[in-house]
Protein backbone atom coordinates (compact mmCIF):
# COMPACT_ATOMS: atom_id res chain seq x y z
CA MET A 1 9.40 -19.70 -28.18
CA THR A 2 12.68 -21.55 -29.06
CA ASP A 3 11.46 -24.85 -26.90
CA LEU A 4 8.64 -24.90 -29.61
CA TYR A 5 10.19 -23.37 -32.92
CA GLY A 6 13.95 -23.69 -32.25
CA GLU A 7 15.95 -20.48 -34.54
CA LEU A 8 14.34 -17.14 -33.62
CA PRO A 9 15.32 -13.77 -34.00
CA TYR A 10 16.88 -12.53 -30.87
CA THR A 11 19.68 -10.48 -30.58
CA GLU A 12 18.31 -8.34 -33.48
CA ALA A 13 14.51 -8.95 -32.99
CA LEU A 14 14.07 -5.37 -31.49
CA SER A 15 16.46 -3.58 -33.71
CA GLU A 16 15.74 -1.39 -36.86
CA SER A 17 16.42 -4.47 -39.28
CA VAL A 18 13.45 -5.46 -41.23
CA ALA A 19 15.00 -8.88 -41.66
CA PRO A 20 16.70 -9.82 -38.15
CA ARG A 21 18.95 -12.56 -38.28
CA TYR A 22 18.17 -15.56 -36.41
CA ASP A 23 20.12 -16.84 -33.45
CA THR A 24 20.57 -20.37 -32.13
CA GLY A 25 18.58 -21.52 -29.26
CA LYS A 26 21.43 -21.69 -26.83
CA THR A 27 22.02 -17.96 -27.64
CA ILE A 28 18.60 -17.21 -26.98
CA PHE A 29 18.46 -19.54 -23.95
CA LEU A 30 21.77 -17.97 -22.44
CA GLY A 31 20.41 -14.46 -23.61
CA CYS A 32 17.49 -14.90 -21.50
CA ILE A 33 19.49 -16.25 -18.31
CA ALA A 34 21.60 -12.87 -18.54
CA GLU A 35 18.56 -10.30 -18.77
CA LEU A 36 17.56 -12.41 -15.46
CA GLU A 37 20.80 -12.08 -13.76
CA GLU A 38 20.93 -8.36 -15.03
CA ALA A 39 17.39 -7.87 -12.95
CA ILE A 40 18.62 -9.70 -9.84
CA GLU A 41 21.62 -7.25 -9.86
CA LEU A 42 19.27 -4.17 -10.55
CA PHE A 43 16.94 -5.08 -7.83
CA GLN A 44 19.90 -5.39 -5.25
CA ARG A 45 21.01 -1.69 -5.97
CA ASP A 46 19.78 0.84 -3.64
CA GLN A 47 17.53 3.34 -5.33
CA SER A 48 17.98 6.93 -6.17
CA VAL A 49 16.40 9.05 -3.64
CA SER A 50 14.91 11.05 -6.73
CA ALA A 51 13.19 7.93 -8.26
CA ALA A 52 9.71 7.37 -7.96
CA PRO A 53 8.76 4.90 -5.35
CA LEU A 54 8.58 1.36 -6.63
CA SER A 55 5.09 1.01 -5.31
CA VAL A 56 4.00 3.18 -8.21
CA GLY A 57 2.22 1.53 -10.58
CA ASP A 58 3.38 -1.71 -9.41
CA SER A 59 -0.13 -3.94 -9.43
CA TRP A 60 1.81 -7.16 -8.81
CA ASN A 61 4.30 -6.86 -5.82
CA ASP A 62 3.06 -3.64 -4.21
CA GLY A 63 6.66 -2.48 -4.24
CA ASP A 64 7.87 -5.18 -2.49
CA VAL A 65 11.91 -5.38 -3.78
CA ASN A 66 12.06 -8.83 -2.02
CA LYS A 67 9.14 -10.35 -3.98
CA TRP A 68 10.75 -9.29 -7.11
CA LEU A 69 13.96 -10.68 -6.05
CA LYS A 70 12.34 -14.17 -5.28
CA MET A 71 10.16 -13.90 -8.66
CA CYS A 72 13.50 -13.42 -10.68
CA TYR A 73 15.51 -16.47 -8.80
CA LEU A 74 12.41 -18.46 -9.46
CA LEU A 75 12.39 -17.64 -13.13
CA LYS A 76 15.91 -18.42 -13.21
CA ALA A 77 15.71 -21.92 -11.78
CA ARG A 78 12.63 -22.70 -14.15
CA TRP A 79 14.61 -21.70 -16.93
CA LEU A 80 17.71 -23.85 -15.89
CA ASN A 81 15.26 -26.66 -15.21
CA HIS A 82 14.61 -26.77 -18.80
CA LEU A 83 18.19 -28.44 -19.35
CA THR A 84 17.41 -31.62 -17.87
CA LYS A 85 18.31 -33.37 -21.02
CA LYS A 86 21.48 -31.85 -21.06
CA GLN A 87 24.75 -32.99 -19.71
CA ALA A 88 25.48 -32.16 -16.10
CA GLY A 89 27.74 -29.08 -15.76
CA SER A 90 27.75 -25.10 -15.72
CA TYR A 91 24.28 -23.68 -16.95
CA LYS A 92 26.92 -20.93 -18.38
CA ASP A 93 27.97 -23.65 -21.01
CA GLY A 94 23.93 -24.44 -21.48
CA LYS A 95 24.39 -27.54 -19.53
CA TYR A 96 22.37 -29.14 -16.56
CA ASP A 97 23.27 -27.25 -13.47
CA ALA A 98 21.31 -28.81 -10.58
CA ALA A 99 23.62 -27.03 -7.76
CA GLU A 100 22.69 -23.76 -9.15
CA ILE A 101 18.88 -24.37 -9.85
CA LEU A 102 18.98 -25.62 -5.93
CA SER A 103 20.89 -22.04 -5.21
CA CYS A 104 18.00 -20.28 -6.84
CA LEU A 105 15.12 -22.09 -5.09
CA ASN A 106 17.14 -21.09 -1.74
CA LYS A 107 16.78 -17.27 -2.63
CA ALA A 108 13.04 -17.80 -4.43
CA GLN A 109 9.72 -18.31 -2.63
CA GLN A 110 9.93 -19.61 0.89
CA SER A 111 6.15 -19.52 1.62
CA ASN A 112 2.76 -18.44 -0.21
CA SER A 113 3.25 -14.93 1.27
CA ASP A 114 6.43 -14.56 -1.33
CA ASN A 115 4.26 -15.26 -4.08
CA THR A 116 3.73 -12.80 -7.13
CA LEU A 117 0.22 -12.71 -7.96
CA ILE A 118 -1.78 -10.74 -10.63
CA ARG A 119 -4.69 -9.89 -8.74
CA HIS A 120 -8.31 -9.65 -10.41
CA THR A 121 -11.73 -8.21 -9.79
CA ASP A 122 -15.13 -9.34 -10.60
CA THR A 123 -16.33 -5.68 -10.89
CA ASN A 124 -16.86 -5.08 -14.58
CA GLY A 125 -14.70 -1.90 -14.32
CA SER A 126 -14.48 1.26 -15.99
CA THR A 127 -10.77 0.18 -17.52
CA HIS A 128 -11.07 -1.32 -21.01
CA ASP A 129 -8.76 -2.73 -23.34
CA VAL A 130 -7.42 -1.24 -26.50
CA GLN A 131 -7.69 -3.73 -29.03
CA GLY A 132 -10.98 -2.94 -30.03
CA TRP A 133 -13.19 -5.57 -27.98
CA ASN A 134 -14.27 -2.86 -25.57
CA GLU A 135 -14.03 -5.23 -22.71
CA THR A 136 -13.10 -4.54 -19.22
CA VAL A 137 -9.63 -5.62 -18.14
CA ASP A 138 -10.07 -6.39 -14.50
CA TYR A 139 -11.18 -10.17 -14.96
CA SER A 140 -8.58 -13.03 -15.26
CA ALA A 141 -7.25 -14.09 -18.73
CA LEU A 142 -8.39 -17.50 -18.20
CA PHE A 143 -12.19 -16.40 -17.65
CA SER A 144 -11.72 -14.33 -20.94
CA THR A 145 -10.58 -17.52 -22.82
CA VAL A 146 -12.44 -20.00 -20.78
CA GLY A 147 -14.83 -19.30 -18.30
CA MET A 148 -17.15 -16.80 -20.12
CA ASN A 149 -17.43 -18.51 -23.19
CA ASN A 150 -20.01 -21.16 -24.43
CA ASN A 151 -17.37 -23.29 -25.22
CA ARG A 152 -15.87 -26.86 -25.84
CA TYR A 153 -13.16 -26.75 -23.08
CA TYR A 154 -13.21 -30.02 -20.90
CA VAL A 155 -11.18 -31.88 -18.71
CA THR A 156 -9.20 -34.67 -20.64
CA ALA A 157 -9.08 -38.28 -19.31
CA THR A 158 -4.91 -37.87 -18.75
CA PHE A 159 -5.83 -35.00 -16.47
CA TYR A 160 -8.76 -36.59 -14.72
CA GLU A 161 -6.95 -39.79 -14.20
CA ASN A 162 -3.72 -37.58 -12.63
CA LEU A 163 -5.92 -36.02 -10.07
CA THR A 164 -8.23 -38.82 -9.26
CA ASN A 165 -6.10 -42.18 -9.51
CA PHE A 166 -2.26 -40.67 -10.12
CA GLY A 167 0.26 -43.53 -10.96
CA GLY A 168 -2.65 -46.17 -10.41
CA TYR A 169 -2.30 -45.65 -6.68
CA GLY A 170 -6.19 -45.45 -5.88
CA VAL A 171 -5.56 -41.71 -4.34
CA GLU A 172 -7.20 -38.97 -5.45
CA ASP A 173 -5.76 -35.19 -5.06
CA PRO A 174 -7.73 -33.30 -2.60
CA ARG A 175 -7.52 -30.36 -5.76
CA ALA A 176 -9.73 -32.90 -7.89
CA ASP A 177 -12.92 -31.20 -7.13
CA LYS A 178 -11.56 -27.29 -7.76
CA PHE A 179 -10.06 -28.76 -10.95
CA ILE A 180 -12.72 -30.67 -12.22
CA PRO A 181 -16.24 -29.08 -13.38
CA TRP A 182 -19.58 -29.93 -11.72
CA ALA A 183 -23.16 -29.68 -13.01
CA ARG A 184 -26.15 -29.63 -11.32
CA SER A 185 -28.11 -32.79 -11.57
CA VAL A 186 -30.16 -36.10 -10.36
CA LYS A 187 -29.26 -39.75 -10.46
CA SER A 188 -31.02 -41.75 -13.10
CA ALA A 189 -31.12 -45.49 -13.61
CA GLY A 190 -28.67 -44.94 -16.40
CA THR A 191 -26.04 -42.91 -14.72
CA LEU A 192 -22.97 -44.50 -15.11
CA PRO A 193 -21.26 -45.90 -11.78
CA GLU A 194 -18.13 -44.29 -11.78
CA ILE A 195 -19.03 -40.74 -11.99
CA LYS A 196 -18.71 -38.80 -8.49
CA TRP A 197 -21.60 -37.05 -6.87
CA SER A 198 -21.57 -34.66 -3.93
CA ASP A 199 -22.27 -35.30 -0.78
CA ASP A 200 -26.14 -34.25 -1.34
CA GLY A 201 -26.40 -35.61 -4.33
CA ARG A 202 -27.51 -32.71 -6.17
CA TRP A 203 -23.90 -32.05 -8.44
CA ARG A 204 -22.28 -34.47 -10.50
CA ARG A 205 -18.59 -34.04 -11.40
CA SER A 206 -17.41 -34.25 -15.18
CA MET A 207 -15.61 -37.38 -16.79
CA GLY A 208 -12.50 -36.85 -18.43
CA VAL A 209 -12.53 -36.74 -22.39
CA ASP A 210 -10.16 -39.68 -23.80
CA LEU A 211 -8.46 -37.87 -26.82
CA GLN A 212 -6.54 -41.22 -27.53
CA THR A 213 -9.75 -42.40 -29.19
CA ASN A 214 -11.54 -40.95 -32.21
CA ILE A 215 -14.10 -38.72 -30.13
CA LEU A 216 -13.09 -35.61 -31.70
CA SER A 217 -12.93 -36.58 -35.22
CA ASN A 218 -16.47 -37.96 -34.90
CA SER A 219 -18.32 -34.50 -33.54
CA GLY A 220 -17.42 -35.13 -29.87
CA PRO A 221 -17.59 -34.31 -27.08
CA PHE A 222 -21.21 -32.67 -28.15
CA ALA A 223 -21.87 -29.93 -25.91
CA LEU A 224 -24.54 -29.88 -23.05
CA SER A 225 -28.01 -28.35 -23.39
CA TYR A 226 -30.68 -28.06 -21.11
CA ASN A 227 -34.56 -28.80 -21.19
CA ASN A 228 -35.79 -26.08 -18.83
CA THR A 229 -39.34 -27.94 -19.18
CA THR A 230 -37.98 -31.22 -17.74
CA ASN A 231 -35.14 -30.03 -16.15
CA SER A 232 -32.74 -32.58 -17.61
CA TRP A 233 -29.53 -32.42 -19.63
CA TYR A 234 -29.31 -33.87 -22.99
CA CYS A 235 -26.94 -33.36 -25.88
CA ASN A 236 -28.68 -31.34 -28.70
CA THR A 237 -27.87 -34.29 -31.78
CA THR A 238 -29.08 -37.00 -33.87
CA LYS A 239 -25.68 -38.91 -33.50
CA GLU A 240 -26.44 -41.99 -31.18
CA GLU A 241 -22.76 -42.04 -30.26
CA ARG A 242 -22.90 -38.56 -29.03
CA LEU A 243 -26.09 -38.83 -26.52
CA GLY A 244 -24.05 -39.99 -24.10
CA ASP A 245 -21.67 -36.85 -23.91
CA THR A 246 -23.58 -35.58 -21.04
CA ILE A 247 -20.73 -37.00 -18.69
CA TYR A 248 -18.52 -33.92 -20.04
CA VAL A 249 -18.79 -30.83 -18.19
CA GLN A 250 -17.63 -27.74 -20.00
CA GLY A 251 -15.36 -25.60 -17.93
CA ARG A 252 -17.72 -22.21 -18.42
CA CYS A 253 -18.66 -20.15 -14.99
CA GLY A 254 -20.25 -17.46 -14.22
CA SER A 255 -19.30 -13.78 -12.94
CA LYS A 256 -21.27 -11.04 -10.61
CA GLY A 257 -19.49 -8.51 -12.55
CA TYR A 258 -19.13 -8.95 -16.21
CA ASN A 259 -22.32 -11.18 -16.46
CA SER A 260 -24.38 -9.77 -13.99
CA ASN A 261 -24.98 -13.42 -12.23
CA LYS A 262 -26.35 -13.67 -8.67
CA ASP A 263 -23.10 -15.64 -8.27
CA MET A 264 -19.91 -17.58 -9.70
CA LEU A 265 -22.10 -20.30 -11.21
CA PHE A 266 -23.32 -20.34 -14.71
CA ARG A 267 -26.72 -21.04 -15.43
CA MET A 268 -28.12 -22.27 -19.06
CA TYR A 269 -31.23 -20.46 -17.92
CA ALA A 270 -30.67 -17.60 -15.54
CA THR A 271 -33.53 -18.31 -13.16
CA ASN A 272 -33.16 -21.87 -12.96
CA ASP A 273 -30.59 -23.00 -10.37
CA ALA A 274 -31.08 -26.64 -11.83
CA SER A 275 -29.24 -25.69 -14.81
CA ALA A 276 -26.17 -24.52 -13.26
CA LEU A 277 -22.63 -25.54 -14.11
CA SER A 278 -19.83 -25.08 -11.54
CA GLY A 279 -16.97 -23.83 -13.59
CA VAL A 280 -13.57 -24.47 -12.25
CA PHE A 281 -11.75 -21.83 -9.66
CA HIS A 282 -8.99 -20.83 -11.82
CA THR A 283 -11.45 -19.92 -14.57
CA ARG A 284 -13.63 -17.74 -12.47
CA ALA A 285 -13.36 -13.54 -13.11
CA SER A 286 -11.68 -12.67 -9.72
CA SER A 287 -9.28 -16.03 -9.50
CA PRO A 288 -5.72 -14.46 -9.11
CA THR A 289 -2.93 -15.15 -11.75
CA ALA A 290 0.26 -16.89 -10.20
CA MET A 291 2.99 -15.68 -11.62
CA ALA A 292 5.64 -16.89 -9.34
CA SER A 293 4.71 -19.29 -6.53
CA TYR A 294 5.84 -21.14 -3.87
CA ALA A 295 4.15 -24.43 -5.39
CA GLU A 296 6.04 -23.76 -8.50
CA ALA A 297 9.28 -23.79 -6.27
CA CYS A 298 8.52 -26.81 -4.24
CA PHE A 299 8.03 -28.81 -7.54
CA ILE A 300 11.11 -27.80 -9.11
CA LYS A 301 13.00 -28.79 -6.14
CA ALA A 302 11.53 -32.19 -5.85
CA GLU A 303 12.09 -32.66 -9.29
CA VAL A 304 15.77 -31.62 -9.05
CA LEU A 305 16.14 -33.77 -5.77
CA PHE A 306 14.26 -36.78 -7.29
CA ARG A 307 16.87 -36.65 -10.32
CA GLN A 308 19.45 -36.75 -7.68
CA GLY A 309 18.04 -39.60 -5.86
CA ASP A 310 17.95 -37.56 -2.70
CA LYS A 311 14.60 -38.97 -1.42
CA PRO A 312 15.27 -38.15 2.46
CA GLU A 313 14.63 -34.57 1.19
CA LEU A 314 11.66 -34.95 -0.90
CA THR A 315 9.25 -34.70 2.51
CA LEU A 316 6.38 -32.34 2.76
CA PRO A 317 6.80 -28.76 4.02
CA THR A 318 6.55 -28.81 8.04
CA LYS A 319 4.72 -25.36 8.01
CA LYS A 320 1.56 -24.56 7.10
CA VAL A 321 1.67 -22.65 3.73
């Protein structure tokens, strides 16, 4: 929040004051670090024999103290890595402390088995929210905001380019097909040559929306519609420049629990497989939410080493993760 808005109430934020004073970004930042260090200290204490087991109510780490400790160290590394534009020095003075970041990462996740995950289900369970929506809370938050909605959430051109041609090297990230949505489709004479198709030729991958153009102020990208008679996609608009927006596939996906679909695909017409959209893996109802991951630890370490010019250490892990 302070990265976005600058000064905010922090030291008096939860006090009885109706007008809590604002703190500087440095006070807030160092306060967060102090709280993380307090958590690290507390997690290293022996638990009282009379205390309830940590596993009671712990749906994230199942009472594994070591996982909580690794999460705290990763969070501390994440926070300290925000200070890349500060001068080198001690983090306790609000400066960029590469040595402390690497020290934290050495105590953070060392493999995917150390990850802290919120696990979700697609069962349409009996636990409902308390905000008045009367929806179940067992599915992922991204399904609630993206996957379940008849929305206009699309892959941007920048994101698409980073996944398919990062840095202009012509190399595609192996995760691209999972991060970019697909539509069940059939090639036609007018199909753009740059569109990727599945090996069986029955699915086409979305293109990226170029936000550096005037597309948003010009009614685009226009949402996909489906003609169940001709089994074809179209954009229900009279604007000629928007008719080609069929190349963009929204991120909506299906669910077997909440939507009672037969699988994880969303279909414009429930009984017509030709009208299916794939969605993307991280917006599905049962996709886990990664709160602290080995992948993030590796990325932070790579950034620190890159800044130090330590390229020999910038190697891929030798073990399977």
